[in-house]
Amino acid sequence: MDRFDNLTDKEKERLAEFVREAIYLSEEENAAIEHQIPMTQELFEQCVDHCIQINAYFRMTCLLSEYPQFTDEYVRKIEEETADFELPKEAEVDIEESLQRFYAKVRAKYGENAI
């Protein structure tokens, strides 16, 4: 237990992420991540989706970097799925109010001359 207590917060989070991966990801997904079996587009997308679900962003980033050929196809599919999606437009008043709240928070934290 002493070893765990000596870890930095970042190291503790990475360890927790590793445990979530080991528990949540399937044997096949873990085998592909560990290069025991070939990574396929389908496995890649499953791994990335599951990493998002369990907040395993370090692993997700590693996958995206390690497999650019799969990443490109994954991004293309997401873009295709979201092509017709439109975000609601905020009224100018809402945008200005949000901006003023943001400025107030920055000034409260960093002083009046921050912005």
C-alpha atoms as a PDB file:
ATOM      1  CA  MET A   1       0.000   0.000   0.000  1.00  0.00           C
ATOM      2  CA  ASP A   2       2.917   2.322   0.667  1.00  0.00           C
ATOM      3  CA  ARG A   3       3.922   2.102  -2.981  1.00  0.00           C
ATOM      4  CA  PHE A   4       0.483   3.241  -4.098  1.00  0.00           C
ATOM      5  CA  ASP A   5       0.545   6.171  -1.680  1.00  0.00           C
ATOM      6  CA  ASN A   6       3.888   7.271  -3.115  1.00  0.00           C
ATOM      7  CA  LEU A   7       2.502   7.535  -6.647  1.00  0.00           C
ATOM      8  CA  THR A   8       1.725  10.928  -8.106  1.00  0.00           C
ATOM      9  CA  ASP A   9      -1.896  11.767  -8.920  1.00  0.00           C
ATOM     10  CA  LYS A  10      -1.122  11.266 -12.602  1.00  0.00           C
ATOM     11  CA  GLU A  11       0.399   7.844 -11.926  1.00  0.00           C
ATOM     12  CA  LYS A  12      -2.597   6.845  -9.795  1.00  0.00           C
ATOM     13  CA  GLU A  13      -4.983   7.860 -12.579  1.00  0.00           C
ATOM     14  CA  ARG A  14      -2.959   5.933 -15.165  1.00  0.00           C
ATOM     15  CA  LEU A  15      -3.008   2.848 -12.911  1.00  0.00           C
ATOM     16  CA  ALA A  16      -6.769   3.166 -12.432  1.00  0.00           C
ATOM     17  CA  GLU A  17      -7.172   3.508 -16.190  1.00  0.00           C
ATOM     18  CA  PHE A  18      -5.086   0.366 -16.727  1.00  0.00           C
ATOM     19  CA  VAL A  19      -7.284  -1.574 -14.302  1.00  0.00           C
ATOM     20  CA  ARG A  20     -10.444  -0.349 -16.077  1.00  0.00           C
ATOM     21  CA  GLU A  21      -8.956  -1.482 -19.400  1.00  0.00           C
ATOM     22  CA  ALA A  22      -8.085  -4.916 -18.028  1.00  0.00           C
ATOM     23  CA  ILE A  23     -11.564  -5.389 -16.593  1.00  0.00           C
ATOM     24  CA  TYR A  24     -13.731  -3.804 -19.285  1.00  0.00           C
ATOM     25  CA  LEU A  25     -11.975  -4.560 -22.569  1.00  0.00           C
ATOM     26  CA  SER A  26     -12.501  -8.021 -24.002  1.00  0.00           C
ATOM     27  CA  GLU A  27      -9.706 -10.593 -24.212  1.00  0.00           C
ATOM     28  CA  GLU A  28      -9.635 -10.064 -27.972  1.00  0.00           C
ATOM     29  CA  GLU A  29      -9.338  -6.271 -27.602  1.00  0.00           C
ATOM     30  CA  ASN A  30      -6.554  -6.608 -25.031  1.00  0.00           C
ATOM     31  CA  ALA A  31      -4.763  -9.151 -27.244  1.00  0.00           C
ATOM     32  CA  ALA A  32      -4.883  -6.736 -30.200  1.00  0.00           C
ATOM     33  CA  ILE A  33      -3.647  -3.840 -28.044  1.00  0.00           C
ATOM     34  CA  GLU A  34      -0.759  -6.023 -26.834  1.00  0.00           C
ATOM     35  CA  HIS A  35       0.071  -7.105 -30.427  1.00  0.00           C
ATOM     36  CA  GLN A  36      -0.730 -10.743 -29.714  1.00  0.00           C
ATOM     37  CA  ILE A  37      -3.209 -10.750 -32.605  1.00  0.00           C
ATOM     38  CA  PRO A  38      -3.483  -8.377 -35.571  1.00  0.00           C
ATOM     39  CA  MET A  39      -5.432  -5.158 -35.059  1.00  0.00           C
ATOM     40  CA  THR A  40      -8.306  -4.816 -37.522  1.00  0.00           C
ATOM     41  CA  GLN A  41     -10.479  -1.815 -38.307  1.00  0.00           C
ATOM     42  CA  GLU A  42     -13.375  -3.386 -36.427  1.00  0.00           C
ATOM     43  CA  LEU A  43     -11.260  -4.180 -33.363  1.00  0.00           C
ATOM     44  CA  PHE A  44      -9.705  -0.727 -33.469  1.00  0.00           C
ATOM     45  CA  GLU A  45     -13.127   0.947 -33.438  1.00  0.00           C
ATOM     46  CA  GLN A  46     -14.338  -1.304 -30.618  1.00  0.00           C
ATOM     47  CA  CYS A  47     -11.231  -0.492 -28.568  1.00  0.00           C
ATOM     48  CA  VAL A  48     -11.528   3.253 -29.121  1.00  0.00           C
ATOM     49  CA  ASP A  49     -15.258   3.233 -28.339  1.00  0.00           C
ATOM     50  CA  HIS A  50     -14.698   1.247 -25.158  1.00  0.00           C
ATOM     51  CA  CYS A  51     -11.816   3.508 -24.127  1.00  0.00           C
ATOM     52  CA  ILE A  52     -14.146   6.481 -24.448  1.00  0.00           C
ATOM     53  CA  GLN A  53     -16.813   4.725 -22.367  1.00  0.00           C
ATOM     54  CA  ILE A  54     -14.406   3.958 -19.514  1.00  0.00           C
ATOM     55  CA  ASN A  55     -12.469   7.246 -19.694  1.00  0.00           C
ATOM     56  CA  ALA A  56      -9.262   5.513 -20.792  1.00  0.00           C
ATOM     57  CA  TYR A  57      -8.007   8.522 -22.716  1.00  0.00           C
ATOM     58  CA  PHE A  58      -4.310   7.653 -22.448  1.00  0.00           C
ATOM     59  CA  ARG A  59      -4.952   4.297 -24.162  1.00  0.00           C
ATOM     60  CA  MET A  60      -7.251   5.919 -26.707  1.00  0.00           C
ATOM     61  CA  THR A  61      -4.572   8.459 -27.616  1.00  0.00           C
ATOM     62  CA  CYS A  62      -2.016   5.672 -27.973  1.00  0.00           C
ATOM     63  CA  LEU A  63      -4.336   3.746 -30.294  1.00  0.00           C
ATOM     64  CA  LEU A  64      -5.061   6.790 -32.432  1.00  0.00           C
ATOM     65  CA  SER A  65      -1.335   7.486 -32.789  1.00  0.00           C
ATOM     66  CA  GLU A  66      -0.272   3.900 -33.351  1.00  0.00           C
ATOM     67  CA  TYR A  67      -2.845   3.098 -36.026  1.00  0.00           C
ATOM     68  CA  PRO A  68      -3.219   6.167 -38.264  1.00  0.00           C
ATOM     69  CA  GLN A  69      -4.653   4.060 -41.088  1.00  0.00           C
ATOM     70  CA  PHE A  70      -7.516   2.935 -38.825  1.00  0.00           C
ATOM     71  CA  THR A  71      -7.850   6.390 -37.283  1.00  0.00           C
ATOM     72  CA  ASP A  72      -8.437   7.989 -40.679  1.00  0.00           C
ATOM     73  CA  GLU A  73     -11.238   5.536 -41.487  1.00  0.00           C
ATOM     74  CA  TYR A  74     -12.737   5.935 -38.004  1.00  0.00           C
ATOM     75  CA  VAL A  75     -12.779   9.735 -38.360  1.00  0.00           C
ATOM     76  CA  ARG A  76     -14.298   9.442 -41.843  1.00  0.00           C
ATOM     77  CA  LYS A  77     -17.138   7.308 -40.437  1.00  0.00           C
ATOM     78  CA  ILE A  78     -17.789   9.771 -37.612  1.00  0.00           C
ATOM     79  CA  GLU A  79     -17.824  12.690 -40.036  1.00  0.00           C
ATOM     80  CA  GLU A  80     -20.238  10.809 -42.267  1.00  0.00           C
ATOM     81  CA  GLU A  81     -22.549  10.005 -39.349  1.00  0.00           C
ATOM     82  CA  THR A  82     -22.566  13.581 -38.087  1.00  0.00           C
ATOM     83  CA  ALA A  83     -22.697  15.397 -41.434  1.00  0.00           C
ATOM     84  CA  ASP A  84     -26.382  16.284 -41.093  1.00  0.00           C
ATOM     85  CA  PHE A  85     -26.213  17.161 -37.402  1.00  0.00           C
ATOM     86  CA  GLU A  86     -26.752  20.832 -36.610  1.00  0.00           C
ATOM     87  CA  LEU A  87     -26.058  22.413 -33.278  1.00  0.00           C
ATOM     88  CA  PRO A  88     -28.710  24.794 -32.026  1.00  0.00           C
ATOM     89  CA  LYS A  89     -27.744  28.403 -32.547  1.00  0.00           C
ATOM     90  CA  GLU A  90     -27.278  30.474 -29.442  1.00  0.00           C
ATOM     91  CA  ALA A  91     -28.806  33.890 -29.298  1.00  0.00           C
ATOM     92  CA  GLU A  92     -26.357  36.796 -29.273  1.00  0.00           C
ATOM     93  CA  VAL A  93     -27.582  37.673 -25.773  1.00  0.00           C
ATOM     94  CA  ASP A  94     -26.747  34.163 -24.490  1.00  0.00           C
ATOM     95  CA  ILE A  95     -23.264  34.307 -26.011  1.00  0.00           C
ATOM     96  CA  GLU A  96     -22.570  37.716 -24.474  1.00  0.00           C
ATOM     97  CA  GLU A  97     -23.835  36.594 -21.044  1.00  0.00           C
ATOM     98  CA  SER A  98     -21.650  33.476 -21.182  1.00  0.00           C
ATOM     99  CA  LEU A  99     -18.659  35.565 -22.162  1.00  0.00           C
ATOM    100  CA  GLN A 100     -19.228  37.996 -19.288  1.00  0.00           C
ATOM    101  CA  ARG A 101     -19.520  35.098 -16.797  1.00  0.00           C
ATOM    102  CA  PHE A 102     -16.247  33.694 -18.138  1.00  0.00           C
ATOM    103  CA  TYR A 103     -14.526  37.084 -17.790  1.00  0.00           C
ATOM    104  CA  ALA A 104     -15.811  37.404 -14.225  1.00  0.00           C
ATOM    105  CA  LYS A 105     -14.380  34.003 -13.295  1.00  0.00           C
ATOM    106  CA  VAL A 106     -11.008  34.853 -14.830  1.00  0.00           C
ATOM    107  CA  ARG A 107     -10.915  38.211 -13.005  1.00  0.00           C
ATOM    108  CA  ALA A 108     -11.905  36.568  -9.712  1.00  0.00           C
ATOM    109  CA  LYS A 109      -9.101  34.070 -10.032  1.00  0.00           C
ATOM    110  CA  TYR A 110      -6.342  36.170 -11.639  1.00  0.00           C
ATOM    111  CA  GLY A 111      -7.222  39.754 -10.747  1.00  0.00           C
ATOM    112  CA  GLU A 112      -9.054  42.627 -12.389  1.00  0.00           C
ATOM    113  CA  ASN A 113      -6.328  43.312 -14.931  1.00  0.00           C
ATOM    114  CA  ALA A 114      -6.297  39.747 -16.277  1.00  0.00           C
ATOM    115  CA  ILE A 115      -8.798  40.611 -19.028  1.00  0.00           C
END
